[in-house]
Every structure is written in C-alpha cells, then in structure tokens.
PDB file of N, CA and C in Angstrom:
ATOM      1  N   MET A   1       0.879  -1.210  -0.087  1.00  0.00           N
ATOM      2  CA  MET A   1      -0.065   0.057   0.035  1.00  0.00           C
ATOM      3  C   MET A   1       0.890   1.198  -0.007  1.00  0.00           C
ATOM      4  N   GLU A   2       0.393   2.351  -0.732  1.00  0.00           N
ATOM      5  CA  GLU A   2       1.095   3.457  -0.755  1.00  0.00           C
ATOM      6  C   GLU A   2       1.244   4.244   0.382  1.00  0.00           C
ATOM      7  N   ASP A   3       2.340   4.861   0.817  1.00  0.00           N
ATOM      8  CA  ASP A   3       2.304   5.659   1.795  1.00  0.00           C
ATOM      9  C   ASP A   3       1.790   7.183   1.546  1.00  0.00           C
ATOM     10  N   LEU A   4       0.799   7.800   2.198  1.00  0.00           N
ATOM     11  CA  LEU A   4       0.107   9.060   1.968  1.00  0.00           C
ATOM     12  C   LEU A   4       1.009  10.210   2.161  1.00  0.00           C
ATOM     13  N   ASP A   5       2.066  10.059   3.082  1.00  0.00           N
ATOM     14  CA  ASP A   5       2.875  11.271   3.427  1.00  0.00           C
ATOM     15  C   ASP A   5       3.975  11.464   2.247  1.00  0.00           C
ATOM     16  N   GLU A   6       4.212  10.399   1.478  1.00  0.00           N
ATOM     17  CA  GLU A   6       5.305  10.627   0.478  1.00  0.00           C
ATOM     18  C   GLU A   6       4.773  11.237  -0.865  1.00  0.00           C
ATOM     19  N   PRO A   7       5.255  12.074  -1.443  1.00  0.00           N
ATOM     20  CA  PRO A   7       4.672  12.802  -2.723  1.00  0.00           C
ATOM     21  C   PRO A   7       4.884  11.593  -3.773  1.00  0.00           C
ATOM     22  N   LYS A   8       3.964  11.723  -4.629  1.00  0.00           N
ATOM     23  CA  LYS A   8       3.835  10.821  -5.757  1.00  0.00           C
ATOM     24  C   LYS A   8       4.990  11.345  -6.643  1.00  0.00           C
ATOM     25  N   GLU A   9       5.880  10.414  -7.093  1.00  0.00           N
ATOM     26  CA  GLU A   9       6.999  10.736  -7.953  1.00  0.00           C
ATOM     27  C   GLU A   9       6.578  10.366  -9.397  1.00  0.00           C
ATOM     28  N   ASN A  10       7.231  11.227 -10.366  1.00  0.00           N
ATOM     29  CA  ASN A  10       7.185  11.215 -11.631  1.00  0.00           C
ATOM     30  C   ASN A  10       5.768  11.466 -12.160  1.00  0.00           C
ATOM     31  N   MET A  11       5.003  12.637 -11.670  1.00  0.00           N
ATOM     32  CA  MET A  11       3.740  13.040 -12.139  1.00  0.00           C
ATOM     33  C   MET A  11       3.977  13.488 -13.622  1.00  0.00           C
ATOM     34  N   THR A  12       2.958  13.176 -14.394  1.00  0.00           N
ATOM     35  CA  THR A  12       3.033  13.563 -15.767  1.00  0.00           C
ATOM     36  C   THR A  12       2.697  14.937 -16.121  1.00  0.00           C
ATOM     37  N   ASP A  13       2.946  15.537 -17.241  1.00  0.00           N
ATOM     38  CA  ASP A  13       2.536  16.874 -17.398  1.00  0.00           C
ATOM     39  C   ASP A  13       1.076  16.897 -17.526  1.00  0.00           C
ATOM     40  N   GLY A  14       0.389  15.951 -17.805  1.00  0.00           N
ATOM     41  CA  GLY A  14      -1.153  15.903 -17.921  1.00  0.00           C
ATOM     42  C   GLY A  14      -1.764  16.031 -16.443  1.00  0.00           C
ATOM     43  N   GLU A  15      -0.977  15.216 -15.663  1.00  0.00           N
ATOM     44  CA  GLU A  15      -1.523  15.127 -14.270  1.00  0.00           C
ATOM     45  C   GLU A  15      -1.302  16.609 -13.561  1.00  0.00           C
ATOM     46  N   TYR A  16      -0.087  17.153 -13.951  1.00  0.00           N
ATOM     47  CA  TYR A  16       0.104  18.483 -13.289  1.00  0.00           C
ATOM     48  C   TYR A  16      -0.873  19.458 -13.821  1.00  0.00           C
ATOM     49  N   LEU A  17      -1.260  19.437 -15.187  1.00  0.00           N
ATOM     50  CA  LEU A  17      -2.200  20.190 -15.668  1.00  0.00           C
ATOM     51  C   LEU A  17      -3.536  20.209 -15.190  1.00  0.00           C
ATOM     52  N   GLU A  18      -4.003  18.864 -14.988  1.00  0.00           N
ATOM     53  CA  GLU A  18      -5.236  18.494 -14.459  1.00  0.00           C
ATOM     54  C   GLU A  18      -5.165  19.121 -13.033  1.00  0.00           C
ATOM     55  N   MET A  19      -4.263  18.819 -12.187  1.00  0.00           N
ATOM     56  CA  MET A  19      -4.239  19.273 -10.967  1.00  0.00           C
ATOM     57  C   MET A  19      -4.543  20.847 -10.846  1.00  0.00           C
ATOM     58  N   SER A  20      -3.508  21.616 -11.731  1.00  0.00           N
ATOM     59  CA  SER A  20      -3.468  22.961 -11.674  1.00  0.00           C
ATOM     60  C   SER A  20      -4.807  23.578 -12.244  1.00  0.00           C
ATOM     61  N   ASN A  21      -5.520  22.786 -13.202  1.00  0.00           N
ATOM     62  CA  ASN A  21      -6.959  23.171 -13.575  1.00  0.00           C
ATOM     63  C   ASN A  21      -7.969  23.207 -12.490  1.00  0.00           C
ATOM     64  N   HIS A  22      -7.780  22.197 -11.723  1.00  0.00           N
ATOM     65  CA  HIS A  22      -8.766  21.826 -10.569  1.00  0.00           C
ATOM     66  C   HIS A  22      -8.607  22.870  -9.515  1.00  0.00           C
ATOM     67  N   LEU A  23      -7.409  23.214  -9.283  1.00  0.00           N
ATOM     68  CA  LEU A  23      -7.037  24.279  -8.226  1.00  0.00           C
ATOM     69  C   LEU A  23      -7.607  25.682  -8.721  1.00  0.00           C
ATOM     70  N   LYS A  24      -7.244  25.993  -9.886  1.00  0.00           N
ATOM     71  CA  LYS A  24      -7.839  27.240 -10.622  1.00  0.00           C
ATOM     72  C   LYS A  24      -9.242  27.265 -10.410  1.00  0.00           C
ATOM     73  N   LYS A  25      -9.889  26.284 -10.681  1.00  0.00           N
ATOM     74  CA  LYS A  25     -11.468  26.302 -10.708  1.00  0.00           C
ATOM     75  C   LYS A  25     -11.899  26.570  -9.154  1.00  0.00           C
ATOM     76  N   LEU A  26     -11.303  25.792  -8.244  1.00  0.00           N
ATOM     77  CA  LEU A  26     -11.630  25.938  -6.786  1.00  0.00           C
ATOM     78  C   LEU A  26     -11.369  27.476  -6.452  1.00  0.00           C
ATOM     79  N   TYR A  27     -10.177  28.029  -6.748  1.00  0.00           N
ATOM     80  CA  TYR A  27      -9.956  29.462  -6.561  1.00  0.00           C
ATOM     81  C   TYR A  27     -10.854  30.415  -7.154  1.00  0.00           C
ATOM     82  N   ASP A  28     -11.192  30.068  -8.456  1.00  0.00           N
ATOM     83  CA  ASP A  28     -12.297  30.934  -9.238  1.00  0.00           C
ATOM     84  C   ASP A  28     -13.769  30.965  -8.490  1.00  0.00           C
ATOM     85  N   ASP A  29     -14.118  29.726  -7.991  1.00  0.00           N
ATOM     86  CA  ASP A  29     -15.349  29.592  -7.238  1.00  0.00           C
ATOM     87  C   ASP A  29     -15.293  30.344  -5.977  1.00  0.00           C
ATOM     88  N   ILE A  30     -14.188  30.241  -5.362  1.00  0.00           N
ATOM     89  CA  ILE A  30     -14.182  30.942  -3.918  1.00  0.00           C
ATOM     90  C   ILE A  30     -14.102  32.283  -4.200  1.00  0.00           C
ATOM     91  N   GLU A  31     -13.545  32.942  -5.308  1.00  0.00           N
ATOM     92  CA  GLU A  31     -13.355  34.289  -5.567  1.00  0.00           C
ATOM     93  C   GLU A  31     -14.816  34.812  -6.012  1.00  0.00           C
ATOM     94  N   GLN A  32     -15.604  34.103  -6.723  1.00  0.00           N
ATOM     95  CA  GLN A  32     -16.955  34.489  -6.997  1.00  0.00           C
ATOM     96  C   GLN A  32     -17.910  34.564  -5.940  1.00  0.00           C
ATOM     97  N   LYS A  33     -17.671  33.627  -4.873  1.00  0.00           N
ATOM     98  CA  LYS A  33     -18.447  33.843  -3.631  1.00  0.00           C
ATOM     99  C   LYS A  33     -18.044  35.001  -2.888  1.00  0.00           C
ATOM    100  N   ASN A  34     -16.880  35.416  -2.876  1.00  0.00           N
ATOM    101  CA  ASN A  34     -16.217  36.456  -2.134  1.00  0.00           C
ATOM    102  C   ASN A  34     -16.937  37.628  -2.827  1.00  0.00           C
ATOM    103  N   ILE A  35     -16.839  37.919  -4.091  1.00  0.00           N
ATOM    104  CA  ILE A  35     -17.358  38.957  -4.676  1.00  0.00           C
ATOM    105  C   ILE A  35     -19.034  39.160  -4.469  1.00  0.00           C
ATOM    106  N   LYS A  36     -19.617  37.982  -4.622  1.00  0.00           N
ATOM    107  CA  LYS A  36     -21.176  37.998  -4.111  1.00  0.00           C
ATOM    108  C   LYS A  36     -21.261  38.533  -2.719  1.00  0.00           C
ATOM    109  N   LEU A  37     -20.620  37.941  -1.813  1.00  0.00           N
ATOM    110  CA  LEU A  37     -20.566  38.398  -0.290  1.00  0.00           C
ATOM    111  C   LEU A  37     -20.361  39.876  -0.100  1.00  0.00           C
ATOM    112  N   GLU A  38     -19.441  40.377  -0.817  1.00  0.00           N
ATOM    113  CA  GLU A  38     -18.939  41.862  -0.803  1.00  0.00           C
ATOM    114  C   GLU A  38     -20.164  42.833  -1.355  1.00  0.00           C
ATOM    115  N   LEU A  39     -20.713  42.308  -2.486  1.00  0.00           N
ATOM    116  CA  LEU A  39     -21.885  42.934  -3.038  1.00  0.00           C
ATOM    117  C   LEU A  39     -23.036  42.997  -2.145  1.00  0.00           C
ATOM    118  N   GLU A  40     -23.328  41.834  -1.555  1.00  0.00           N
ATOM    119  CA  GLU A  40     -24.491  41.737  -0.419  1.00  0.00           C
ATOM    120  C   GLU A  40     -24.071  42.662   0.831  1.00  0.00           C
ATOM    121  N   LYS A  41     -22.828  42.638   1.231  1.00  0.00           N
ATOM    122  CA  LYS A  41     -22.477  43.539   2.200  1.00  0.00           C
ATOM    123  C   LYS A  41     -22.676  44.848   1.911  1.00  0.00           C
ATOM    124  N   ILE A  42     -22.329  45.465   0.808  1.00  0.00           N
ATOM    125  CA  ILE A  42     -22.523  46.772   0.366  1.00  0.00           C
ATOM    126  C   ILE A  42     -24.132  47.012   0.544  1.00  0.00           C
ATOM    127  N   GLU A  43     -24.831  46.209  -0.274  1.00  0.00           N
ATOM    128  CA  GLU A  43     -26.332  46.536  -0.283  1.00  0.00           C
ATOM    129  C   GLU A  43     -27.008  46.470   1.215  1.00  0.00           C
ATOM    130  N   LEU A  44     -26.373  45.596   2.094  1.00  0.00           N
ATOM    131  CA  LEU A  44     -26.948  45.565   3.557  1.00  0.00           C
ATOM    132  C   LEU A  44     -26.486  46.989   4.230  1.00  0.00           C
ATOM    133  N   LYS A  45     -25.299  47.428   3.854  1.00  0.00           N
ATOM    134  CA  LYS A  45     -24.799  48.735   4.378  1.00  0.00           C
ATOM    135  C   LYS A  45     -25.870  49.902   3.884  1.00  0.00           C
ATOM    136  N   LYS A  46     -26.201  49.932   2.743  1.00  0.00           N
ATOM    137  CA  LYS A  46     -27.052  50.959   2.190  1.00  0.00           C
ATOM    138  C   LYS A  46     -28.358  50.844   2.937  1.00  0.00           C
ATOM    139  N   ILE A  47     -28.869  49.586   3.233  1.00  0.00           N
ATOM    140  CA  ILE A  47     -30.357  49.361   3.802  1.00  0.00           C
ATOM    141  C   ILE A  47     -30.040  49.972   5.288  1.00  0.00           C
ATOM    142  N   LEU A  48     -29.002  49.802   5.971  1.00  0.00           N
ATOM    143  CA  LEU A  48     -28.739  50.184   7.339  1.00  0.00           C
ATOM    144  C   LEU A  48     -28.859  51.814   7.455  1.00  0.00           C
ATOM    145  N   ILE A  49     -28.081  52.443   6.441  1.00  0.00           N
ATOM    146  CA  ILE A  49     -27.698  53.853   6.454  1.00  0.00           C
ATOM    147  C   ILE A  49     -29.113  54.469   6.178  1.00  0.00           C
ATOM    148  N   THR A  50     -30.014  53.779   5.099  1.00  0.00           N
ATOM    149  CA  THR A  50     -31.210  54.390   4.805  1.00  0.00           C
ATOM    150  C   THR A  50     -32.322  54.269   6.133  1.00  0.00           C
ATOM    151  N   SER A  51     -32.214  52.995   6.730  1.00  0.00           N
ATOM    152  CA  SER A  51     -33.118  53.026   7.945  1.00  0.00           C
ATOM    153  C   SER A  51     -32.758  53.896   8.996  1.00  0.00           C
ATOM    154  N   TYR A  52     -31.419  53.940   9.303  1.00  0.00           N
ATOM    155  CA  TYR A  52     -31.143  55.080  10.266  1.00  0.00           C
ATOM    156  C   TYR A  52     -31.535  56.421  10.028  1.00  0.00           C
ATOM    157  N   GLY A  53     -31.464  56.848   8.764  1.00  0.00           N
ATOM    158  CA  GLY A  53     -31.741  58.128   8.415  1.00  0.00           C
ATOM    159  C   GLY A  53     -33.279  58.285   8.555  1.00  0.00           C
ATOM    160  N   LEU A  54     -34.087  57.340   8.081  1.00  0.00           N
ATOM    161  CA  LEU A  54     -35.555  57.442   8.360  1.00  0.00           C
ATOM    162  C   LEU A  54     -35.898  57.238   9.669  1.00  0.00           C
ATOM    163  N   VAL A  55     -35.260  56.603  10.638  1.00  0.00           N
ATOM    164  CA  VAL A  55     -35.713  56.626  12.008  1.00  0.00           C
ATOM    165  C   VAL A  55     -35.270  57.928  12.652  1.00  0.00           C
ATOM    166  N   ARG A  56     -34.346  58.626  12.125  1.00  0.00           N
ATOM    167  CA  ARG A  56     -33.843  59.961  12.568  1.00  0.00           C
ATOM    168  C   ARG A  56     -34.930  61.113  12.140  1.00  0.00           C
ATOM    169  N   VAL A  57     -35.413  60.936  10.997  1.00  0.00           N
ATOM    170  CA  VAL A  57     -36.459  61.736  10.702  1.00  0.00           C
ATOM    171  C   VAL A  57     -37.833  61.566  11.480  1.00  0.00           C
ATOM    172  N   VAL A  58     -38.256  60.326  11.647  1.00  0.00           N
ATOM    173  CA  VAL A  58     -39.378  60.001  12.582  1.00  0.00           C
ATOM    174  C   VAL A  58     -39.113  60.555  13.967  1.00  0.00           C
ATOM    175  N   ASP A  59     -37.988  60.465  14.409  1.00  0.00           N
ATOM    176  CA  ASP A  59     -37.549  60.847  15.785  1.00  0.00           C
ATOM    177  C   ASP A  59     -37.845  62.223  15.803  1.00  0.00           C
ATOM    178  N   ASN A  60     -37.317  63.008  14.909  1.00  0.00           N
ATOM    179  CA  ASN A  60     -37.399  64.456  14.870  1.00  0.00           C
ATOM    180  C   ASN A  60     -38.946  65.022  14.839  1.00  0.00           C
ATOM    181  N   PHE A  61     -39.728  64.134  14.102  1.00  0.00           N
ATOM    182  CA  PHE A  61     -41.206  64.497  13.937  1.00  0.00           C
ATOM    183  C   PHE A  61     -41.810  64.226  15.254  1.00  0.00           C
ATOM    184  N   VAL A  62     -41.494  63.073  16.006  1.00  0.00           N
ATOM    185  CA  VAL A  62     -42.028  62.738  17.239  1.00  0.00           C
ATOM    186  C   VAL A  62     -41.729  63.755  18.333  1.00  0.00           C
ATOM    187  N   ASP A  63     -40.456  64.451  18.147  1.00  0.00           N
ATOM    188  CA  ASP A  63     -40.147  65.517  19.263  1.00  0.00           C
ATOM    189  C   ASP A  63     -40.892  66.730  19.043  1.00  0.00           C
ATOM    190  N   VAL A  64     -41.534  67.059  17.630  1.00  0.00           N
ATOM    191  CA  VAL A  64     -42.014  68.293  17.408  1.00  0.00           C
ATOM    192  C   VAL A  64     -43.412  68.217  17.656  1.00  0.00           C
ATOM    193  N   ILE A  65     -44.123  66.848  17.326  1.00  0.00           N
ATOM    194  CA  ILE A  65     -45.629  66.679  17.397  1.00  0.00           C
ATOM    195  C   ILE A  65     -46.029  66.550  18.844  1.00  0.00           C
ATOM    196  N   HIS A  66     -47.149  67.146  19.140  1.00  0.00           N
ATOM    197  CA  HIS A  66     -47.821  67.156  20.533  1.00  0.00           C
ATOM    198  C   HIS A  66     -48.726  65.926  20.625  1.00  0.00           C
ATOM    199  N   ASN A  67     -48.875  65.427  21.959  1.00  0.00           N
ATOM    200  CA  ASN A  67     -49.792  64.411  22.282  1.00  0.00           C
ATOM    201  C   ASN A  67     -49.156  63.045  21.583  1.00  0.00           C
ATOM    202  N   VAL A  68     -47.962  62.784  21.402  1.00  0.00           N
ATOM    203  CA  VAL A  68     -47.536  61.576  20.873  1.00  0.00           C
ATOM    204  C   VAL A  68     -47.471  60.611  22.076  1.00  0.00           C
ATOM    205  N   PRO A  69     -47.990  59.531  22.011  1.00  0.00           N
ATOM    206  CA  PRO A  69     -47.853  58.550  23.249  1.00  0.00           C
ATOM    207  C   PRO A  69     -46.305  58.195  23.703  1.00  0.00           C
ATOM    208  N   THR A  70     -46.241  58.264  25.063  1.00  0.00           N
ATOM    209  CA  THR A  70     -44.840  57.965  25.646  1.00  0.00           C
ATOM    210  C   THR A  70     -44.394  56.773  25.154  1.00  0.00           C
ATOM    211  N   GLU A  71     -45.004  55.769  24.879  1.00  0.00           N
ATOM    212  CA  GLU A  71     -44.526  54.428  24.405  1.00  0.00           C
ATOM    213  C   GLU A  71     -43.862  54.643  23.072  1.00  0.00           C
ATOM    214  N   LEU A  72     -44.639  55.358  22.313  1.00  0.00           N
ATOM    215  CA  LEU A  72     -43.953  55.592  20.742  1.00  0.00           C
ATOM    216  C   LEU A  72     -42.719  56.309  20.820  1.00  0.00           C
ATOM    217  N   GLU A  73     -42.755  57.380  21.695  1.00  0.00           N
ATOM    218  CA  GLU A  73     -41.504  58.077  21.754  1.00  0.00           C
ATOM    219  C   GLU A  73     -40.281  57.152  22.392  1.00  0.00           C
ATOM    220  N   VAL A  74     -40.663  56.211  23.274  1.00  0.00           N
ATOM    221  CA  VAL A  74     -39.590  55.556  23.823  1.00  0.00           C
ATOM    222  C   VAL A  74     -39.042  54.565  22.637  1.00  0.00           C
ATOM    223  N   LEU A  75     -40.108  53.946  21.938  1.00  0.00           N
ATOM    224  CA  LEU A  75     -39.763  52.908  20.835  1.00  0.00           C
ATOM    225  C   LEU A  75     -38.790  53.567  19.768  1.00  0.00           C
ATOM    226  N   VAL A  76     -39.240  54.788  19.282  1.00  0.00           N
ATOM    227  CA  VAL A  76     -38.548  55.521  18.346  1.00  0.00           C
ATOM    228  C   VAL A  76     -37.106  55.825  18.807  1.00  0.00           C
ATOM    229  N   SER A  77     -37.066  56.449  19.985  1.00  0.00           N
ATOM    230  CA  SER A  77     -35.803  56.682  20.633  1.00  0.00           C
ATOM    231  C   SER A  77     -34.794  55.539  20.668  1.00  0.00           C
ATOM    232  N   THR A  78     -35.380  54.471  21.283  1.00  0.00           N
ATOM    233  CA  THR A  78     -34.597  53.052  21.293  1.00  0.00           C
ATOM    234  C   THR A  78     -34.189  52.704  20.007  1.00  0.00           C
ATOM    235  N   LEU A  79     -34.949  52.725  19.144  1.00  0.00           N
ATOM    236  CA  LEU A  79     -34.505  52.319  17.585  1.00  0.00           C
ATOM    237  C   LEU A  79     -33.461  53.186  17.134  1.00  0.00           C
ATOM    238  N   ARG A  80     -33.674  54.310  17.264  1.00  0.00           N
ATOM    239  CA  ARG A  80     -32.759  55.325  16.830  1.00  0.00           C
ATOM    240  C   ARG A  80     -31.284  55.035  17.681  1.00  0.00           C
ATOM    241  N   GLY A  81     -31.272  54.897  18.719  1.00  0.00           N
ATOM    242  CA  GLY A  81     -30.105  54.600  19.488  1.00  0.00           C
ATOM    243  C   GLY A  81     -29.424  53.301  19.039  1.00  0.00           C
ATOM    244  N   TYR A  82     -30.175  52.231  18.892  1.00  0.00           N
ATOM    245  CA  TYR A  82     -29.637  50.952  18.219  1.00  0.00           C
ATOM    246  C   TYR A  82     -29.125  51.005  16.983  1.00  0.00           C
ATOM    247  N   LEU A  83     -29.738  51.694  16.112  1.00  0.00           N
ATOM    248  CA  LEU A  83     -29.361  51.884  14.687  1.00  0.00           C
ATOM    249  C   LEU A  83     -28.228  52.773  14.649  1.00  0.00           C
ATOM    250  N   SER A  84     -28.111  53.726  15.650  1.00  0.00           N
ATOM    251  CA  SER A  84     -26.872  54.645  15.535  1.00  0.00           C
ATOM    252  C   SER A  84     -25.721  53.917  15.968  1.00  0.00           C
ATOM    253  N   GLU A  85     -25.680  52.943  16.892  1.00  0.00           N
ATOM    254  CA  GLU A  85     -24.612  52.117  17.402  1.00  0.00           C
ATOM    255  C   GLU A  85     -24.315  51.190  16.347  1.00  0.00           C
ATOM    256  N   GLU A  86     -25.289  50.570  15.642  1.00  0.00           N
ATOM    257  CA  GLU A  86     -24.915  49.559  14.544  1.00  0.00           C
ATOM    258  C   GLU A  86     -24.298  50.309  13.278  1.00  0.00           C
ATOM    259  N   THR A  87     -24.737  51.493  13.116  1.00  0.00           N
ATOM    260  CA  THR A  87     -24.179  52.394  11.982  1.00  0.00           C
ATOM    261  C   THR A  87     -22.598  52.739  12.348  1.00  0.00           C
ATOM    262  N   ASP A  88     -22.487  53.217  13.522  1.00  0.00           N
ATOM    263  CA  ASP A  88     -21.046  53.390  13.960  1.00  0.00           C
ATOM    264  C   ASP A  88     -20.210  52.273  13.760  1.00  0.00           C
ATOM    265  N   LYS A  89     -20.702  50.964  14.131  1.00  0.00           N
ATOM    266  CA  LYS A  89     -19.963  49.739  14.161  1.00  0.00           C
ATOM    267  C   LYS A  89     -19.637  49.192  12.742  1.00  0.00           C
ATOM    268  N   HIS A  90     -20.602  49.269  11.857  1.00  0.00           N
ATOM    269  CA  HIS A  90     -20.638  48.605  10.658  1.00  0.00           C
ATOM    270  C   HIS A  90     -20.326  49.539   9.532  1.00  0.00           C
ATOM    271  N   ILE A  91     -20.589  50.621   9.630  1.00  0.00           N
ATOM    272  CA  ILE A  91     -20.362  51.742   8.532  1.00  0.00           C
ATOM    273  C   ILE A  91     -19.087  52.401   8.709  1.00  0.00           C
ATOM    274  N   PHE A  92     -18.899  52.964  10.075  1.00  0.00           N
ATOM    275  CA  PHE A  92     -17.787  53.767  10.409  1.00  0.00           C
ATOM    276  C   PHE A  92     -16.820  53.070  11.055  1.00  0.00           C
ATOM    277  N   ASN A  93     -16.818  51.821  11.443  1.00  0.00           N
ATOM    278  CA  ASN A  93     -16.022  50.962  12.173  1.00  0.00           C
ATOM    279  C   ASN A  93     -15.476  51.456  13.399  1.00  0.00           C
ATOM    280  N   ILE A  94     -16.444  52.095  14.138  1.00  0.00           N
ATOM    281  CA  ILE A  94     -16.104  52.663  15.368  1.00  0.00           C
ATOM    282  C   ILE A  94     -16.771  51.593  16.446  1.00  0.00           C
ATOM    283  N   LYS A  95     -15.943  51.056  17.369  1.00  0.00           N
ATOM    284  CA  LYS A  95     -16.238  49.961  18.152  1.00  0.00           C
ATOM    285  C   LYS A  95     -16.755  50.408  19.455  1.00  0.00           C
ATOM    286  N   SER A  96     -16.386  51.618  19.893  1.00  0.00           N
ATOM    287  CA  SER A  96     -16.825  52.189  21.123  1.00  0.00           C
ATOM    288  C   SER A  96     -16.914  53.741  21.107  1.00  0.00           C
ATOM    289  N   LEU A  97     -18.018  54.333  21.629  1.00  0.00           N
ATOM    290  CA  LEU A  97     -18.144  55.663  21.535  1.00  0.00           C
ATOM    291  C   LEU A  97     -17.931  56.256  23.086  1.00  0.00           C
ATOM    292  N   ASP A  98     -17.064  55.697  23.875  1.00  0.00           N
ATOM    293  CA  ASP A  98     -16.780  56.191  25.097  1.00  0.00           C
ATOM    294  C   ASP A  98     -15.833  57.298  24.912  1.00  0.00           C
ATOM    295  N   PHE A  99     -16.211  58.588  24.903  1.00  0.00           N
ATOM    296  CA  PHE A  99     -15.383  59.689  24.657  1.00  0.00           C
ATOM    297  C   PHE A  99     -14.310  59.896  25.705  1.00  0.00           C
ATOM    298  N   ASN A 100     -14.548  59.299  26.857  1.00  0.00           N
ATOM    299  CA  ASN A 100     -13.441  59.481  27.983  1.00  0.00           C
ATOM    300  C   ASN A 100     -12.387  58.753  27.632  1.00  0.00           C
ATOM    301  N   GLU A 101     -12.709  57.478  26.937  1.00  0.00           N
ATOM    302  CA  GLU A 101     -11.363  56.636  26.408  1.00  0.00           C
ATOM    303  C   GLU A 101     -10.860  57.302  25.110  1.00  0.00           C
ATOM    304  N   ILE A 102     -11.378  57.880  24.208  1.00  0.00           N
ATOM    305  CA  ILE A 102     -11.108  58.365  23.002  1.00  0.00           C
ATOM    306  C   ILE A 102     -10.122  59.715  23.286  1.00  0.00           C
ATOM    307  N   ILE A 103     -10.823  60.516  24.301  1.00  0.00           N
ATOM    308  CA  ILE A 103     -10.111  61.966  24.431  1.00  0.00           C
ATOM    309  C   ILE A 103      -9.804  61.808  26.057  1.00  0.00           C
ATOM    310  N   ASP A 104      -8.658  62.080  26.304  1.00  0.00           N
ATOM    311  CA  ASP A 104      -8.038  62.074  27.802  1.00  0.00           C
ATOM    312  C   ASP A 104      -8.318  63.438  28.281  1.00  0.00           C
ATOM    313  N   ILE A 105      -9.581  63.736  28.787  1.00  0.00           N
ATOM    314  CA  ILE A 105      -9.857  65.023  29.385  1.00  0.00           C
ATOM    315  C   ILE A 105     -10.248  64.770  30.729  1.00  0.00           C
ATOM    316  N   ASP A 106      -9.597  65.724  31.468  1.00  0.00           N
ATOM    317  CA  ASP A 106      -9.958  65.625  32.801  1.00  0.00           C
ATOM    318  C   ASP A 106     -11.326  66.472  33.147  1.00  0.00           C
ATOM    319  N   VAL A 107     -12.420  66.030  33.466  1.00  0.00           N
ATOM    320  CA  VAL A 107     -13.802  66.762  33.458  1.00  0.00           C
ATOM    321  C   VAL A 107     -13.964  67.267  35.088  1.00  0.00           C
ATOM    322  N   SER A 108     -13.142  67.056  35.875  1.00  0.00           N
ATOM    323  CA  SER A 108     -13.294  67.428  37.402  1.00  0.00           C
ATOM    324  C   SER A 108     -12.977  68.822  37.493  1.00  0.00           C
TER     325      SER A 108
END
C-alpha cells in the first residue's frame, strides 16, 4: 500500500495540468463567492444607512408633534439609539463611543 505522506513521484505533464486546472477552478469559485458576499455587504450597508436616516426623521417628527404617546417616543428613541450604534460599528468601524477613552480630558 502506498504511503500517503510521500509525494507521488514522476507526475506526468497531464497530471500537473489537471491538478492546476482543478485548483484554478476551486480558486475561481471561492473568488466568485467572495465577490457576491461583498456586493451583499454593500447592499446591507445601504439598507442600514437608509433605515437610520428614516428613523432619525421620524424621531425629529415625534419631538415636534404634540400628544404623541410616551410608548411611541420610547420605541422610536430606542430604535434610533440601536441603529446609531450599529451604523457606527458597521459603517464607520467605530467599536466604542466612550469619549472618555478616546479623548483624555479631566472633567473634574
């Protein structure tokens, strides 16, 4: 029985060509998947930005309109905060908005 750790000796040109064609196909398949994932990521970022913008507009309207139920104000405000954090994280690559960590200022 042939030892699997030892390389096969005397591969023919055809075997090398077949192996390289197979590896090229695998690489091309992976590259196509990566391109598709990048395009999907861009589309999701557009959706996130649009959603955040719309929620900000709704939040501004809720602040101006009188007699808005408190529950609705809380929901819109919470959604705006959540989308703001996710936009910072996924669009602007900001992991933390603790300004005391970012800027070393003595507030005392």
